[in-house]
Structures are given as structure tokens and as C-alpha cells.
Amino acid sequence: MLVYENFLPESYIADLSSAVIAPDFGWHYNKYTVSDSHVSSYKKNVDIRESILYTHGIFMNGIINSDYYPLFHPIKYFIEDRFGGKYEFQRIKMNMLPPNYNYKGKHNTPHSDCFFDDDTSKTKTVLVYLNDSDGDTYFFDQYSFANVVEPNLTIHKSVTPKRNCAVMFESNRLHASSPPSSSVRFTLNIVLKDIA
């Protein structure tokens, strides 16, 4: 797992931040941060409290899903420059987690982002935080493919969202967001295939 602060030029992170709060950006409501069936698989884990999530799909499996794609596409070059490698997009989406004051100390359902390709060794996820927030991202020691449930989870590391900070990790590493208690949490979620 790699963490890179001051990931994007200030003018670019400001443009992205302005775009996601524009009236025409088009957020979509999700009852949970993962699928209903996946939530029920982790029902007995006391550290998990699912929350709602708003998403905006930008790119998925070769299909552009948003008029905002041209604004987000250049981030690929910053990823290649900052982290090294050559990549193609598998998915680009924005996540918005609203504050939830009752969930302090809990996290959402763990999941992996490995559902695009059988070769998980070549799939990476990059999270870019667009604002400061107290809704940490938890990264677990366990790995999974296609969100197979791992009953005994241990936290490897947590990252507190900081504006313009990026985290790259293997897409099959289990991870979970947590609802902020003080302000909305905006995260750009990018899944990439290493083509080098």
C-alpha cells in the first residue's frame, strides 16, 4: 500500500472538488456501500454498521458513463507519474458518504474491488480524497476475490481522509470506508489494470 500526499496540482484538485458539488453532477442513492447480500454476510461482526452512500459513475468496463469523464481522465497520468507503471482504467467513480453521528468507531462492510479481471495481481485501486474528513478508510490484512466473506478480519492500517491525499493498494485487499461524523466525505475511487 502506498500513500501519496499533495497528489494533484492544487488547481486540478480544486476543479474536481468544485465539479462534485455542481448542481448537475448527478449523485445516485445507494442503500448500502456494498450489495445487500454482502451486508448480510457480515451481520454478526459488531464493528460493522452499514451506511448509505451516494455515487456518481464516471467510467466502467470501457464505457464512459458521465459527461464529466474528460475532467477526470487526466488523473491517469498523475497516477502513472506518482506511483509508477502504465495503467488502463477499469472503473472511475465518485463516492459521497454523508455524516452519521451514531456510527463513530464503526466501519462499513469490508469488500474488495476485484471483479473486473481474473488476474488480480495486475489490478490496483487508487483512492483520492477530495476533502478532509474524519471517516477513515480501513485496510485489512485479508485479501479476497469477488467479495468472498472473510470471517476473521484484522486491521492492517487505517487512513484518515486528507484533501489531495491518494492511496494505492491491491484491488483484492479487503477495505472499508467509515461514515464521517463532522462533514461529508468525498472520495474518488479508481480501479486500474497494470498494462506495463
Protein backbone atom coordinates (compact mmCIF):
# COMPACT_ATOMS: atom_id res chain seq x y z
CA MET A 1 0.00 0.00 0.00
CA LEU A 2 1.34 3.41 -0.98
CA VAL A 3 0.19 6.79 0.34
CA TYR A 4 0.97 9.99 -1.55
CA GLU A 5 0.15 13.42 -0.11
CA ASN A 6 -0.29 16.51 -2.31
CA PHE A 7 -1.08 14.09 -5.11
CA LEU A 8 -2.57 16.51 -7.66
CA PRO A 9 -1.78 20.12 -8.54
CA GLU A 10 -3.85 22.49 -6.39
CA SER A 11 -5.75 23.88 -9.38
CA TYR A 12 -6.78 20.36 -10.50
CA ILE A 13 -7.96 19.18 -7.07
CA ALA A 14 -9.93 22.45 -6.80
CA ASP A 15 -11.60 21.78 -10.18
CA LEU A 16 -12.54 18.23 -9.14
CA SER A 17 -13.86 19.46 -5.79
CA SER A 18 -15.99 22.12 -7.50
CA ALA A 19 -17.35 19.61 -10.02
CA VAL A 20 -18.68 17.18 -7.42
CA ILE A 21 -20.78 19.86 -5.73
CA ALA A 22 -22.13 21.29 -9.00
CA PRO A 23 -25.95 21.06 -9.30
CA ASP A 24 -25.75 18.93 -12.48
CA PHE A 25 -23.21 16.39 -11.17
CA GLY A 26 -25.92 13.76 -10.55
CA TRP A 27 -25.46 11.71 -7.41
CA HIS A 28 -27.19 8.31 -7.12
CA TYR A 29 -28.50 6.96 -3.81
CA ASN A 30 -27.34 3.54 -2.58
CA LYS A 31 -28.93 1.89 0.45
CA TYR A 32 -25.52 0.45 1.46
CA THR A 33 -21.87 0.86 0.48
CA VAL A 34 -21.92 -2.71 -0.92
CA SER A 35 -24.59 -5.16 -2.14
CA ASP A 36 -27.42 -6.28 0.17
CA SER A 37 -26.22 -9.90 0.14
CA HIS A 38 -22.69 -8.87 1.08
CA VAL A 39 -24.00 -6.80 4.01
CA SER A 40 -25.95 -9.76 5.38
CA SER A 41 -22.82 -11.96 5.20
CA TYR A 42 -21.11 -9.77 7.81
CA LYS A 43 -24.18 -9.28 10.03
CA LYS A 44 -22.55 -10.79 13.13
CA ASN A 45 -19.48 -8.52 13.11
CA VAL A 46 -20.05 -5.86 15.81
CA ASP A 47 -17.54 -3.43 14.24
CA ILE A 48 -19.63 -3.09 11.08
CA ARG A 49 -22.50 -0.60 10.76
CA GLU A 50 -23.58 -0.05 7.17
CA SER A 51 -24.45 3.43 5.97
CA ILE A 52 -25.94 4.96 2.85
CA LEU A 53 -23.69 6.01 0.00
CA TYR A 54 -24.13 8.37 -2.93
CA THR A 55 -22.20 7.51 -6.09
CA HIS A 56 -21.51 9.02 -9.47
CA GLY A 57 -20.28 6.51 -12.07
CA ILE A 58 -17.81 8.05 -14.49
CA PHE A 59 -16.32 5.05 -16.33
CA MET A 60 -16.98 1.30 -16.13
CA ASN A 61 -15.62 -1.58 -18.24
CA GLY A 62 -14.77 0.54 -21.26
CA ILE A 63 -17.94 2.65 -21.16
CA ILE A 64 -18.00 6.35 -20.34
CA ASN A 65 -20.98 6.97 -18.05
CA SER A 66 -20.59 10.66 -17.29
CA ASP A 67 -20.23 13.95 -19.11
CA TYR A 68 -17.54 14.69 -16.51
CA TYR A 69 -15.21 11.98 -17.85
CA PRO A 70 -12.91 14.49 -19.65
CA LEU A 71 -12.28 16.25 -16.33
CA PHE A 72 -11.33 13.00 -14.55
CA HIS A 73 -9.39 11.25 -17.33
CA PRO A 74 -6.08 13.13 -16.83
CA ILE A 75 -5.71 11.67 -13.35
CA LYS A 76 -4.34 8.53 -15.04
CA TYR A 77 -1.17 10.41 -15.93
CA PHE A 78 -0.68 11.60 -12.36
CA ILE A 79 -1.14 8.02 -11.12
CA GLU A 80 1.48 6.76 -13.58
CA ASP A 81 3.86 9.58 -12.67
CA ARG A 82 3.46 9.41 -8.88
CA PHE A 83 3.18 5.64 -8.37
CA GLY A 84 4.98 4.36 -11.47
CA GLY A 85 3.66 1.92 -14.06
CA LYS A 86 1.33 2.07 -17.04
CA TYR A 87 -2.39 1.62 -16.47
CA GLU A 88 -5.78 1.48 -18.13
CA PHE A 89 -8.99 2.36 -16.35
CA GLN A 90 -11.36 -0.40 -15.26
CA ARG A 91 -13.61 1.91 -13.23
CA ILE A 92 -13.79 5.54 -12.12
CA LYS A 93 -16.46 6.63 -9.67
CA MET A 94 -17.06 9.25 -7.05
CA ASN A 95 -18.31 8.28 -3.59
CA MET A 96 -20.03 10.64 -1.17
CA LEU A 97 -20.64 9.49 2.39
CA PRO A 98 -22.87 11.82 4.42
CA PRO A 99 -22.17 12.33 8.13
CA ASN A 100 -23.62 9.86 10.59
CA TYR A 101 -23.08 10.77 14.20
CA ASN A 102 -24.23 7.38 15.53
CA TYR A 103 -21.54 5.30 13.81
CA LYS A 104 -18.40 6.68 15.47
CA GLY A 105 -15.81 3.92 15.83
CA LYS A 106 -17.57 1.60 13.34
CA HIS A 107 -16.84 0.92 9.69
CA ASN A 108 -18.87 -0.13 6.68
CA THR A 109 -18.80 -3.65 5.22
CA PRO A 110 -15.35 -4.83 4.07
CA HIS A 111 -15.08 -5.54 0.36
CA SER A 112 -12.56 -5.85 -2.44
CA ASP A 113 -12.58 -4.07 -5.78
CA CYS A 114 -11.58 -7.21 -7.72
CA PHE A 115 -14.43 -8.03 -10.04
CA PHE A 116 -13.11 -6.89 -13.39
CA ASP A 117 -10.35 -9.35 -14.19
CA ASP A 118 -9.23 -12.82 -13.11
CA ASP A 119 -5.61 -11.66 -12.87
CA THR A 120 -5.78 -9.83 -9.54
CA SER A 121 -2.01 -9.28 -9.45
CA LYS A 122 -2.42 -6.63 -12.14
CA THR A 123 -5.38 -4.77 -10.63
CA LYS A 124 -4.84 -1.75 -8.40
CA THR A 125 -7.21 0.66 -6.67
CA VAL A 126 -6.45 4.32 -6.08
CA LEU A 127 -8.48 6.40 -3.65
CA VAL A 128 -8.13 10.16 -3.88
CA TYR A 129 -9.67 12.15 -1.04
CA LEU A 130 -11.17 15.45 -2.18
CA ASN A 131 -11.68 16.85 1.30
CA ASP A 132 -10.58 16.45 4.91
CA SER A 133 -12.87 14.12 6.84
CA ASP A 134 -12.91 12.00 9.97
CA GLY A 135 -14.37 8.99 8.12
CA ASP A 136 -11.32 6.73 7.99
CA THR A 137 -10.70 4.03 5.40
CA TYR A 138 -9.75 0.70 6.98
CA PHE A 139 -7.43 -1.70 5.17
CA PHE A 140 -7.41 -5.30 6.37
CA ASP A 141 -4.69 -7.96 6.32
CA GLN A 142 -7.04 -10.26 4.42
CA TYR A 143 -7.49 -10.44 0.66
CA SER A 144 -10.50 -11.61 -1.32
CA PHE A 145 -11.72 -12.15 -4.86
CA ALA A 146 -15.31 -11.37 -5.84
CA ASN A 147 -16.07 -10.32 -2.26
CA VAL A 148 -15.87 -13.78 -0.71
CA VAL A 149 -16.57 -13.32 3.00
CA GLU A 150 -13.56 -13.43 5.33
CA PRO A 151 -14.92 -14.03 8.85
CA ASN A 152 -11.80 -13.16 10.89
CA LEU A 153 -10.63 -9.69 9.94
CA THR A 154 -7.62 -7.87 11.30
CA ILE A 155 -6.95 -4.22 10.53
CA HIS A 156 -3.67 -3.65 8.73
CA LYS A 157 -3.87 0.15 8.60
CA SER A 158 -6.36 2.99 8.64
CA VAL A 159 -6.08 6.21 6.66
CA THR A 160 -7.86 9.40 7.67
CA PRO A 161 -9.06 11.24 4.56
CA LYS A 162 -6.96 14.32 3.92
CA ARG A 163 -7.62 16.63 0.99
CA ASN A 164 -5.46 15.72 -2.01
CA CYS A 165 -4.07 12.54 -0.48
CA ALA A 166 -4.05 9.36 -2.61
CA VAL A 167 -3.75 5.72 -1.56
CA MET A 168 -2.85 2.92 -3.98
CA PHE A 169 -3.39 -0.72 -2.98
CA GLU A 170 -4.05 -4.13 -4.45
CA SER A 171 -7.70 -4.25 -5.51
CA ASN A 172 -8.21 -7.63 -3.85
CA ARG A 173 -7.24 -6.25 -0.39
CA LEU A 174 -10.32 -6.05 1.81
CA HIS A 175 -11.07 -2.47 2.82
CA ALA A 176 -13.97 -0.46 4.23
CA SER A 177 -14.97 3.16 4.49
CA SER A 178 -16.42 4.63 7.65
CA PRO A 179 -19.07 7.32 7.89
CA PRO A 180 -17.76 10.73 8.91
CA SER A 181 -19.25 12.41 11.93
CA SER A 182 -18.48 16.01 11.07
CA SER A 183 -18.74 16.61 7.31
CA VAL A 184 -19.45 14.88 4.00
CA ARG A 185 -16.66 12.60 2.77
CA PHE A 186 -15.82 12.83 -0.97
CA THR A 187 -13.62 10.05 -2.37
CA LEU A 188 -12.60 9.39 -5.95
CA ASN A 189 -12.35 5.60 -6.43
CA ILE A 190 -10.34 4.36 -9.41
CA VAL A 191 -9.69 0.74 -10.34
CA LEU A 192 -6.83 0.21 -12.78
CA LYS A 193 -5.24 -2.65 -14.67
CA ASP A 194 -1.46 -2.62 -14.91
CA ILE A 195 -0.60 -2.95 -18.61
CA ALA A 196 3.18 -2.47 -18.33
